[in-house]
Amino acid sequence: MKKLYNDKGQVAVAVSKGYGAGWSSWSDVNPMDKQYNELFLKGDIEAAKKLSKKNGEYAEGAEEVELIWLDPDTKFIINEYDGSESLQILEKINHYIA
């Protein structure tokens, strides 16, 4: 899978902020997939949904996708609640060790 980079060398990550269906959390779409993120960057949501359906992937949540730019090798997770996704950088998650 190819990634989309900006002029600062950061990687695009697609995160669906709306409620109802999560773009990457409800399907097998990789949130860093260049072919989709180029379409989101252009604002061509319908083309992204069409490509997703063609590839046999769940296409909902595309309307609310926001691209977040991360430095390469940043470890992250995408959390989802009722379709609304949020990105968390692993190094910034408060945690405990027993």
PDB file of N, CA and C in Angstrom:
ATOM      1  N   MET A   1       0.829  -1.174   0.000  1.00  0.00           N
ATOM      2  CA  MET A   1       0.000   0.000   0.000  1.00  0.00           C
ATOM      3  C   MET A   1       0.881   1.249   0.000  1.00  0.00           C
ATOM      4  N   LYS A   2       0.574   2.157  -0.891  1.00  0.00           N
ATOM      5  CA  LYS A   2       1.302   3.424  -0.951  1.00  0.00           C
ATOM      6  C   LYS A   2       0.627   4.449  -0.058  1.00  0.00           C
ATOM      7  N   LYS A   3       1.426   5.364   0.484  1.00  0.00           N
ATOM      8  CA  LYS A   3       0.934   6.423   1.361  1.00  0.00           C
ATOM      9  C   LYS A   3       1.021   7.765   0.646  1.00  0.00           C
ATOM     10  N   LEU A   4       0.187   8.702   1.084  1.00  0.00           N
ATOM     11  CA  LEU A   4       0.195  10.060   0.554  1.00  0.00           C
ATOM     12  C   LEU A   4       0.990  10.943   1.505  1.00  0.00           C
ATOM     13  N   TYR A   5       1.971  11.659   0.960  1.00  0.00           N
ATOM     14  CA  TYR A   5       2.820  12.548   1.750  1.00  0.00           C
ATOM     15  C   TYR A   5       2.572  13.995   1.344  1.00  0.00           C
ATOM     16  N   ASN A   6       2.691  14.910   2.312  1.00  0.00           N
ATOM     17  CA  ASN A   6       2.620  16.334   1.982  1.00  0.00           C
ATOM     18  C   ASN A   6       4.030  16.872   1.772  1.00  0.00           C
ATOM     19  N   ASP A   7       4.143  18.162   1.521  1.00  0.00           N
ATOM     20  CA  ASP A   7       5.452  18.763   1.239  1.00  0.00           C
ATOM     21  C   ASP A   7       6.377  18.793   2.455  1.00  0.00           C
ATOM     22  N   LYS A   8       5.844  18.502   3.651  1.00  0.00           N
ATOM     23  CA  LYS A   8       6.656  18.430   4.866  1.00  0.00           C
ATOM     24  C   LYS A   8       7.090  16.994   5.167  1.00  0.00           C
ATOM     25  N   GLY A   9       6.687  16.052   4.288  1.00  0.00           N
ATOM     26  CA  GLY A   9       7.042  14.654   4.480  1.00  0.00           C
ATOM     27  C   GLY A   9       6.119  13.909   5.427  1.00  0.00           C
ATOM     28  N   GLN A  10       4.988  14.519   5.783  1.00  0.00           N
ATOM     29  CA  GLN A  10       4.041  13.883   6.686  1.00  0.00           C
ATOM     30  C   GLN A  10       3.079  12.982   5.910  1.00  0.00           C
ATOM     31  N   VAL A  11       2.543  11.983   6.608  1.00  0.00           N
ATOM     32  CA  VAL A  11       1.658  10.988   6.017  1.00  0.00           C
ATOM     33  C   VAL A  11       0.199  11.365   6.302  1.00  0.00           C
ATOM     34  N   ALA A  12      -0.653  11.246   5.280  1.00  0.00           N
ATOM     35  CA  ALA A  12      -2.085  11.497   5.444  1.00  0.00           C
ATOM     36  C   ALA A  12      -2.760  10.290   6.076  1.00  0.00           C
ATOM     37  N   VAL A  13      -3.612  10.560   7.078  1.00  0.00           N
ATOM     38  CA  VAL A  13      -4.402   9.526   7.736  1.00  0.00           C
ATOM     39  C   VAL A  13      -5.860   9.974   7.695  1.00  0.00           C
ATOM     40  N   ALA A  14      -6.728   9.135   7.136  1.00  0.00           N
ATOM     41  CA  ALA A  14      -8.152   9.461   7.012  1.00  0.00           C
ATOM     42  C   ALA A  14      -8.890   9.058   8.286  1.00  0.00           C
ATOM     43  N   VAL A  15      -9.566  10.043   8.895  1.00  0.00           N
ATOM     44  CA  VAL A  15     -10.335   9.820  10.111  1.00  0.00           C
ATOM     45  C   VAL A  15     -11.728  10.395   9.890  1.00  0.00           C
ATOM     46  N   SER A  16     -12.747   9.596  10.133  1.00  0.00           N
ATOM     47  CA  SER A  16     -14.137  10.007   9.933  1.00  0.00           C
ATOM     48  C   SER A  16     -14.704  10.541  11.243  1.00  0.00           C
ATOM     49  N   LYS A  17     -14.973  11.840  11.295  1.00  0.00           N
ATOM     50  CA  LYS A  17     -15.398  12.490  12.537  1.00  0.00           C
ATOM     51  C   LYS A  17     -16.893  12.386  12.805  1.00  0.00           C
ATOM     52  N   GLY A  18     -17.692  12.089  11.782  1.00  0.00           N
ATOM     53  CA  GLY A  18     -19.145  12.079  11.954  1.00  0.00           C
ATOM     54  C   GLY A  18     -19.656  10.812  12.602  1.00  0.00           C
ATOM     55  N   TYR A  19     -20.864  10.898  13.130  1.00  0.00           N
ATOM     56  CA  TYR A  19     -21.511   9.733  13.731  1.00  0.00           C
ATOM     57  C   TYR A  19     -22.233   8.936  12.660  1.00  0.00           C
ATOM     58  N   GLY A  20     -22.415   7.659  12.895  1.00  0.00           N
ATOM     59  CA  GLY A  20     -23.156   6.789  11.991  1.00  0.00           C
ATOM     60  C   GLY A  20     -22.316   5.640  11.483  1.00  0.00           C
ATOM     61  N   ALA A  21     -21.192   5.936  10.867  1.00  0.00           N
ATOM     62  CA  ALA A  21     -20.310   4.884  10.341  1.00  0.00           C
ATOM     63  C   ALA A  21     -18.888   5.413  10.284  1.00  0.00           C
ATOM     64  N   GLY A  22     -17.942   4.613  10.709  1.00  0.00           N
ATOM     65  CA  GLY A  22     -16.543   5.009  10.657  1.00  0.00           C
ATOM     66  C   GLY A  22     -15.898   4.568   9.351  1.00  0.00           C
ATOM     67  N   TRP A  23     -15.138   5.445   8.745  1.00  0.00           N
ATOM     68  CA  TRP A  23     -14.510   5.141   7.461  1.00  0.00           C
ATOM     69  C   TRP A  23     -13.550   3.959   7.566  1.00  0.00           C
ATOM     70  N   SER A  24     -12.572   4.045   8.458  1.00  0.00           N
ATOM     71  CA  SER A  24     -11.578   2.970   8.537  1.00  0.00           C
ATOM     72  C   SER A  24     -11.895   1.954   9.630  1.00  0.00           C
ATOM     73  N   SER A  25     -12.667   2.340  10.621  1.00  0.00           N
ATOM     74  CA  SER A  25     -12.948   1.418  11.729  1.00  0.00           C
ATOM     75  C   SER A  25     -14.080   0.442  11.406  1.00  0.00           C
ATOM     76  N   TRP A  26     -14.887   0.743  10.416  1.00  0.00           N
ATOM     77  CA  TRP A  26     -15.996  -0.143  10.054  1.00  0.00           C
ATOM     78  C   TRP A  26     -15.690  -0.948   8.800  1.00  0.00           C
ATOM     79  N   SER A  27     -14.485  -0.828   8.267  1.00  0.00           N
ATOM     80  CA  SER A  27     -14.159  -1.541   7.028  1.00  0.00           C
ATOM     81  C   SER A  27     -12.709  -2.007   7.064  1.00  0.00           C
ATOM     82  N   ASP A  28     -12.289  -2.584   5.954  1.00  0.00           N
ATOM     83  CA  ASP A  28     -10.909  -3.029   5.836  1.00  0.00           C
ATOM     84  C   ASP A  28     -10.025  -1.993   5.153  1.00  0.00           C
ATOM     85  N   VAL A  29     -10.532  -0.792   4.967  1.00  0.00           N
ATOM     86  CA  VAL A  29      -9.756   0.263   4.326  1.00  0.00           C
ATOM     87  C   VAL A  29      -8.656   0.716   5.280  1.00  0.00           C
ATOM     88  N   ASN A  30      -7.439   0.784   4.788  1.00  0.00           N
ATOM     89  CA  ASN A  30      -6.335   1.305   5.582  1.00  0.00           C
ATOM     90  C   ASN A  30      -6.437   2.830   5.574  1.00  0.00           C
ATOM     91  N   PRO A  31      -6.436   3.488   6.734  1.00  0.00           N
ATOM     92  CA  PRO A  31      -6.611   4.939   6.774  1.00  0.00           C
ATOM     93  C   PRO A  31      -5.462   5.723   6.128  1.00  0.00           C
ATOM     94  N   MET A  32      -4.383   5.035   5.751  1.00  0.00           N
ATOM     95  CA  MET A  32      -3.259   5.716   5.101  1.00  0.00           C
ATOM     96  C   MET A  32      -3.184   5.416   3.605  1.00  0.00           C
ATOM     97  N   ASP A  33      -4.174   4.750   3.045  1.00  0.00           N
ATOM     98  CA  ASP A  33      -4.162   4.337   1.648  1.00  0.00           C
ATOM     99  C   ASP A  33      -4.187   5.544   0.709  1.00  0.00           C
ATOM    100  N   LYS A  34      -3.134   5.679  -0.066  1.00  0.00           N
ATOM    101  CA  LYS A  34      -2.945   6.832  -0.950  1.00  0.00           C
ATOM    102  C   LYS A  34      -4.083   7.012  -1.945  1.00  0.00           C
ATOM    103  N   GLN A  35      -4.583   5.917  -2.517  1.00  0.00           N
ATOM    104  CA  GLN A  35      -5.601   6.048  -3.557  1.00  0.00           C
ATOM    105  C   GLN A  35      -6.874   6.718  -3.019  1.00  0.00           C
ATOM    106  N   TYR A  36      -7.234   6.448  -1.778  1.00  0.00           N
ATOM    107  CA  TYR A  36      -8.402   7.098  -1.173  1.00  0.00           C
ATOM    108  C   TYR A  36      -8.062   8.508  -0.704  1.00  0.00           C
ATOM    109  N   ASN A  37      -6.918   8.647  -0.057  1.00  0.00           N
ATOM    110  CA  ASN A  37      -6.572   9.948   0.522  1.00  0.00           C
ATOM    111  C   ASN A  37      -6.347  11.029  -0.525  1.00  0.00           C
ATOM    112  N   GLU A  38      -5.907  10.656  -1.712  1.00  0.00           N
ATOM    113  CA  GLU A  38      -5.812  11.636  -2.801  1.00  0.00           C
ATOM    114  C   GLU A  38      -7.205  12.135  -3.177  1.00  0.00           C
ATOM    115  N   LEU A  39      -8.173  11.230  -3.183  1.00  0.00           N
ATOM    116  CA  LEU A  39      -9.553  11.622  -3.498  1.00  0.00           C
ATOM    117  C   LEU A  39     -10.130  12.503  -2.397  1.00  0.00           C
ATOM    118  N   PHE A  40      -9.867  12.173  -1.135  1.00  0.00           N
ATOM    119  CA  PHE A  40     -10.343  13.008  -0.035  1.00  0.00           C
ATOM    120  C   PHE A  40      -9.708  14.396  -0.085  1.00  0.00           C
ATOM    121  N   LEU A  41      -8.428  14.448  -0.415  1.00  0.00           N
ATOM    122  CA  LEU A  41      -7.731  15.727  -0.509  1.00  0.00           C
ATOM    123  C   LEU A  41      -8.360  16.616  -1.584  1.00  0.00           C
ATOM    124  N   LYS A  42      -8.803  16.007  -2.673  1.00  0.00           N
ATOM    125  CA  LYS A  42      -9.467  16.734  -3.759  1.00  0.00           C
ATOM    126  C   LYS A  42     -10.928  17.049  -3.433  1.00  0.00           C
ATOM    127  N   GLY A  43     -11.450  16.416  -2.381  1.00  0.00           N
ATOM    128  CA  GLY A  43     -12.851  16.606  -2.033  1.00  0.00           C
ATOM    129  C   GLY A  43     -13.796  15.752  -2.857  1.00  0.00           C
ATOM    130  N   ASP A  44     -13.286  14.732  -3.526  1.00  0.00           N
ATOM    131  CA  ASP A  44     -14.092  13.869  -4.380  1.00  0.00           C
ATOM    132  C   ASP A  44     -14.579  12.651  -3.583  1.00  0.00           C
ATOM    133  N   ILE A  45     -15.539  12.903  -2.716  1.00  0.00           N
ATOM    134  CA  ILE A  45     -16.069  11.874  -1.828  1.00  0.00           C
ATOM    135  C   ILE A  45     -16.762  10.756  -2.611  1.00  0.00           C
ATOM    136  N   GLU A  46     -17.513  11.139  -3.642  1.00  0.00           N
ATOM    137  CA  GLU A  46     -18.235  10.137  -4.427  1.00  0.00           C
ATOM    138  C   GLU A  46     -17.279   9.159  -5.103  1.00  0.00           C
ATOM    139  N   ALA A  47     -16.147   9.652  -5.598  1.00  0.00           N
ATOM    140  CA  ALA A  47     -15.156   8.770  -6.220  1.00  0.00           C
ATOM    141  C   ALA A  47     -14.548   7.828  -5.187  1.00  0.00           C
ATOM    142  N   ALA A  48     -14.332   8.317  -3.965  1.00  0.00           N
ATOM    143  CA  ALA A  48     -13.789   7.464  -2.899  1.00  0.00           C
ATOM    144  C   ALA A  48     -14.784   6.361  -2.548  1.00  0.00           C
ATOM    145  N   LYS A  49     -16.068   6.702  -2.459  1.00  0.00           N
ATOM    146  CA  LYS A  49     -17.095   5.705  -2.160  1.00  0.00           C
ATOM    147  C   LYS A  49     -17.217   4.684  -3.293  1.00  0.00           C
ATOM    148  N   LYS A  50     -17.152   5.169  -4.516  1.00  0.00           N
ATOM    149  CA  LYS A  50     -17.253   4.283  -5.679  1.00  0.00           C
ATOM    150  C   LYS A  50     -16.074   3.299  -5.705  1.00  0.00           C
ATOM    151  N   LEU A  51     -14.854   3.804  -5.461  1.00  0.00           N
ATOM    152  CA  LEU A  51     -13.671   2.956  -5.429  1.00  0.00           C
ATOM    153  C   LEU A  51     -13.773   1.925  -4.309  1.00  0.00           C
ATOM    154  N   SER A  52     -14.267   2.356  -3.157  1.00  0.00           N
ATOM    155  CA  SER A  52     -14.424   1.457  -2.024  1.00  0.00           C
ATOM    156  C   SER A  52     -15.385   0.319  -2.354  1.00  0.00           C
ATOM    157  N   LYS A  53     -16.505   0.659  -2.950  1.00  0.00           N
ATOM    158  CA  LYS A  53     -17.482  -0.375  -3.326  1.00  0.00           C
ATOM    159  C   LYS A  53     -16.911  -1.308  -4.387  1.00  0.00           C
ATOM    160  N   LYS A  54     -16.170  -0.741  -5.336  1.00  0.00           N
ATOM    161  CA  LYS A  54     -15.539  -1.553  -6.390  1.00  0.00           C
ATOM    162  C   LYS A  54     -14.565  -2.557  -5.789  1.00  0.00           C
ATOM    163  N   ASN A  55     -13.862  -2.144  -4.746  1.00  0.00           N
ATOM    164  CA  ASN A  55     -12.886  -3.010  -4.079  1.00  0.00           C
ATOM    165  C   ASN A  55     -13.530  -3.943  -3.056  1.00  0.00           C
ATOM    166  N   GLY A  56     -14.862  -3.898  -2.950  1.00  0.00           N
ATOM    167  CA  GLY A  56     -15.567  -4.762  -2.020  1.00  0.00           C
ATOM    168  C   GLY A  56     -15.440  -4.340  -0.571  1.00  0.00           C
ATOM    169  N   GLU A  57     -15.170  -3.069  -0.345  1.00  0.00           N
ATOM    170  CA  GLU A  57     -14.995  -2.546   1.010  1.00  0.00           C
ATOM    171  C   GLU A  57     -16.214  -1.710   1.404  1.00  0.00           C
ATOM    172  N   TYR A  58     -16.446  -1.584   2.673  1.00  0.00           N
ATOM    173  CA  TYR A  58     -17.542  -0.780   3.199  1.00  0.00           C
ATOM    174  C   TYR A  58     -17.267   0.681   2.893  1.00  0.00           C
ATOM    175  N   ALA A  59     -18.218   1.381   2.310  1.00  0.00           N
ATOM    176  CA  ALA A  59     -17.965   2.724   1.798  1.00  0.00           C
ATOM    177  C   ALA A  59     -18.573   3.847   2.633  1.00  0.00           C
ATOM    178  N   GLU A  60     -19.199   3.523   3.746  1.00  0.00           N
ATOM    179  CA  GLU A  60     -19.854   4.576   4.521  1.00  0.00           C
ATOM    180  C   GLU A  60     -18.847   5.324   5.395  1.00  0.00           C
ATOM    181  N   GLY A  61     -19.230   6.499   5.823  1.00  0.00           N
ATOM    182  CA  GLY A  61     -18.361   7.328   6.646  1.00  0.00           C
ATOM    183  C   GLY A  61     -17.472   8.247   5.836  1.00  0.00           C
ATOM    184  N   ALA A  62     -17.473   8.111   4.517  1.00  0.00           N
ATOM    185  CA  ALA A  62     -16.592   8.913   3.660  1.00  0.00           C
ATOM    186  C   ALA A  62     -16.927  10.399   3.698  1.00  0.00           C
ATOM    187  N   GLU A  63     -18.198  10.724   3.895  1.00  0.00           N
ATOM    188  CA  GLU A  63     -18.619  12.127   3.873  1.00  0.00           C
ATOM    189  C   GLU A  63     -17.978  12.956   4.980  1.00  0.00           C
ATOM    190  N   GLU A  64     -17.611  12.307   6.057  1.00  0.00           N
ATOM    191  CA  GLU A  64     -17.081  13.016   7.224  1.00  0.00           C
ATOM    192  C   GLU A  64     -15.567  12.863   7.401  1.00  0.00           C
ATOM    193  N   VAL A  65     -14.880  12.339   6.386  1.00  0.00           N
ATOM    194  CA  VAL A  65     -13.439  12.098   6.521  1.00  0.00           C
ATOM    195  C   VAL A  65     -12.661  13.403   6.574  1.00  0.00           C
ATOM    196  N   GLU A  66     -11.742  13.432   7.499  1.00  0.00           N
ATOM    197  CA  GLU A  66     -10.789  14.534   7.645  1.00  0.00           C
ATOM    198  C   GLU A  66      -9.402  13.912   7.552  1.00  0.00           C
ATOM    199  N   LEU A  67      -8.506  14.538   6.804  1.00  0.00           N
ATOM    200  CA  LEU A  67      -7.134  14.043   6.746  1.00  0.00           C
ATOM    201  C   LEU A  67      -6.323  14.666   7.869  1.00  0.00           C
ATOM    202  N   ILE A  68      -5.642  13.821   8.593  1.00  0.00           N
ATOM    203  CA  ILE A  68      -4.729  14.260   9.647  1.00  0.00           C
ATOM    204  C   ILE A  68      -3.332  13.890   9.182  1.00  0.00           C
ATOM    205  N   TRP A  69      -2.408  14.824   9.305  1.00  0.00           N
ATOM    206  CA  TRP A  69      -1.038  14.614   8.816  1.00  0.00           C
ATOM    207  C   TRP A  69      -0.129  14.288   9.986  1.00  0.00           C
ATOM    208  N   LEU A  70       0.532  13.136   9.884  1.00  0.00           N
ATOM    209  CA  LEU A  70       1.436  12.677  10.938  1.00  0.00           C
ATOM    210  C   LEU A  70       2.844  12.486  10.393  1.00  0.00           C
ATOM    211  N   ASP A  71       3.814  12.690  11.278  1.00  0.00           N
ATOM    212  CA  ASP A  71       5.198  12.409  10.899  1.00  0.00           C
ATOM    213  C   ASP A  71       5.352  10.914  10.656  1.00  0.00           C
ATOM    214  N   PRO A  72       6.202  10.535   9.701  1.00  0.00           N
ATOM    215  CA  PRO A  72       6.434   9.109   9.450  1.00  0.00           C
ATOM    216  C   PRO A  72       6.854   8.379  10.730  1.00  0.00           C
ATOM    217  N   ASP A  73       6.460   7.135  10.843  1.00  0.00           N
ATOM    218  CA  ASP A  73       6.764   6.256  11.969  1.00  0.00           C
ATOM    219  C   ASP A  73       6.040   6.626  13.268  1.00  0.00           C
ATOM    220  N   THR A  74       5.057   7.544  13.198  1.00  0.00           N
ATOM    221  CA  THR A  74       4.248   7.852  14.373  1.00  0.00           C
ATOM    222  C   THR A  74       3.292   6.685  14.610  1.00  0.00           C
ATOM    223  N   LYS A  75       3.313   6.146  15.812  1.00  0.00           N
ATOM    224  CA  LYS A  75       2.407   5.047  16.164  1.00  0.00           C
ATOM    225  C   LYS A  75       1.084   5.645  16.638  1.00  0.00           C
ATOM    226  N   PHE A  76      -0.017   5.138  16.072  1.00  0.00           N
ATOM    227  CA  PHE A  76      -1.324   5.680  16.428  1.00  0.00           C
ATOM    228  C   PHE A  76      -2.376   4.585  16.385  1.00  0.00           C
ATOM    229  N   ILE A  77      -3.498   4.886  17.010  1.00  0.00           N
ATOM    230  CA  ILE A  77      -4.681   4.040  16.908  1.00  0.00           C
ATOM    231  C   ILE A  77      -5.856   4.940  16.539  1.00  0.00           C
ATOM    232  N   ILE A  78      -6.863   4.335  15.938  1.00  0.00           N
ATOM    233  CA  ILE A  78      -8.098   5.051  15.658  1.00  0.00           C
ATOM    234  C   ILE A  78      -9.174   4.442  16.536  1.00  0.00           C
ATOM    235  N   ASN A  79      -9.717   5.273  17.417  1.00  0.00           N
ATOM    236  CA  ASN A  79     -10.820   4.855  18.276  1.00  0.00           C
ATOM    237  C   ASN A  79     -12.122   5.202  17.582  1.00  0.00           C
ATOM    238  N   GLU A  80     -13.166   4.453  17.902  1.00  0.00           N
ATOM    239  CA  GLU A  80     -14.461   4.691  17.277  1.00  0.00           C
ATOM    240  C   GLU A  80     -15.556   4.570  18.315  1.00  0.00           C
ATOM    241  N   TYR A  81     -16.482   5.510  18.289  1.00  0.00           N
ATOM    242  CA  TYR A  81     -17.678   5.442  19.121  1.00  0.00           C
ATOM    243  C   TYR A  81     -18.853   5.850  18.255  1.00  0.00           C
ATOM    244  N   ASP A  82     -19.768   4.935  18.016  1.00  0.00           N
ATOM    245  CA  ASP A  82     -20.963   5.181  17.209  1.00  0.00           C
ATOM    246  C   ASP A  82     -20.614   5.754  15.841  1.00  0.00           C
ATOM    247  N   GLY A  83     -19.514   5.285  15.287  1.00  0.00           N
ATOM    248  CA  GLY A  83     -19.091   5.714  13.959  1.00  0.00           C
ATOM    249  C   GLY A  83     -18.158   6.897  13.948  1.00  0.00           C
ATOM    250  N   SER A  84     -18.100   7.653  15.029  1.00  0.00           N
ATOM    251  CA  SER A  84     -17.217   8.824  15.091  1.00  0.00           C
ATOM    252  C   SER A  84     -15.813   8.367  15.493  1.00  0.00           C
ATOM    253  N   GLU A  85     -14.862   8.623  14.619  1.00  0.00           N
ATOM    254  CA  GLU A  85     -13.487   8.179  14.858  1.00  0.00           C
ATOM    255  C   GLU A  85     -12.628   9.306  15.429  1.00  0.00           C
ATOM    256  N   SER A  86     -11.679   8.927  16.234  1.00  0.00           N
ATOM    257  CA  SER A  86     -10.682   9.868  16.744  1.00  0.00           C
ATOM    258  C   SER A  86      -9.324   9.177  16.703  1.00  0.00           C
ATOM    259  N   LEU A  87      -8.303   9.959  16.483  1.00  0.00           N
ATOM    260  CA  LEU A  87      -6.948   9.427  16.378  1.00  0.00           C
ATOM    261  C   LEU A  87      -6.209   9.712  17.668  1.00  0.00           C
ATOM    262  N   GLN A  88      -5.519   8.715  18.177  1.00  0.00           N
ATOM    263  CA  GLN A  88      -4.681   8.884  19.357  1.00  0.00           C
ATOM    264  C   GLN A  88      -3.270   8.426  19.040  1.00  0.00           C
ATOM    265  N   ILE A  89      -2.317   9.263  19.373  1.00  0.00           N
ATOM    266  CA  ILE A  89      -0.906   8.922  19.208  1.00  0.00           C
ATOM    267  C   ILE A  89      -0.493   8.105  20.430  1.00  0.00           C
ATOM    268  N   LEU A  90       0.067   6.931  20.194  1.00  0.00           N
ATOM    269  CA  LEU A  90       0.339   5.995  21.284  1.00  0.00           C
ATOM    270  C   LEU A  90       1.229   6.577  22.373  1.00  0.00           C
ATOM    271  N   GLU A  91       2.228   7.334  21.998  1.00  0.00           N
ATOM    272  CA  GLU A  91       3.147   7.881  22.999  1.00  0.00           C
ATOM    273  C   GLU A  91       2.464   8.896  23.910  1.00  0.00           C
ATOM    274  N   LYS A  92       1.293   9.407  23.500  1.00  0.00           N
ATOM    275  CA  LYS A  92       0.599  10.434  24.284  1.00  0.00           C
ATOM    276  C   LYS A  92      -0.569   9.884  25.095  1.00  0.00           C
ATOM    277  N   ILE A  93      -0.778   8.567  25.065  1.00  0.00           N
ATOM    278  CA  ILE A  93      -1.874   7.979  25.820  1.00  0.00           C
ATOM    279  C   ILE A  93      -1.431   7.758  27.262  1.00  0.00           C
ATOM    280  N   ASN A  94      -2.197   8.314  28.193  1.00  0.00           N
ATOM    281  CA  ASN A  94      -1.907   8.073  29.610  1.00  0.00           C
ATOM    282  C   ASN A  94      -2.212   6.621  29.926  1.00  0.00           C
ATOM    283  N   HIS A  95      -1.288   5.961  30.585  1.00  0.00           N
ATOM    284  CA  HIS A  95      -1.490   4.564  30.915  1.00  0.00           C
ATOM    285  C   HIS A  95      -0.758   4.232  32.202  1.00  0.00           C
ATOM    286  N   TYR A  96      -1.068   3.089  32.727  1.00  0.00           N
ATOM    287  CA  TYR A  96      -0.466   2.622  33.977  1.00  0.00           C
ATOM    288  C   TYR A  96       0.235   1.283  33.708  1.00  0.00           C
ATOM    289  N   ILE A  97       1.204   0.997  34.506  1.00  0.00           N
ATOM    290  CA  ILE A  97       1.873  -0.290  34.467  1.00  0.00           C
ATOM    291  C   ILE A  97       1.830  -0.883  35.862  1.00  0.00           C
ATOM    292  N   ALA A  98       1.338  -2.102  35.976  1.00  0.00           N
ATOM    293  CA  ALA A  98       1.212  -2.750  37.290  1.00  0.00           C
ATOM    294  C   ALA A  98       2.551  -3.358  37.703  1.00  0.00           C
TER     295      ALA A  98
END
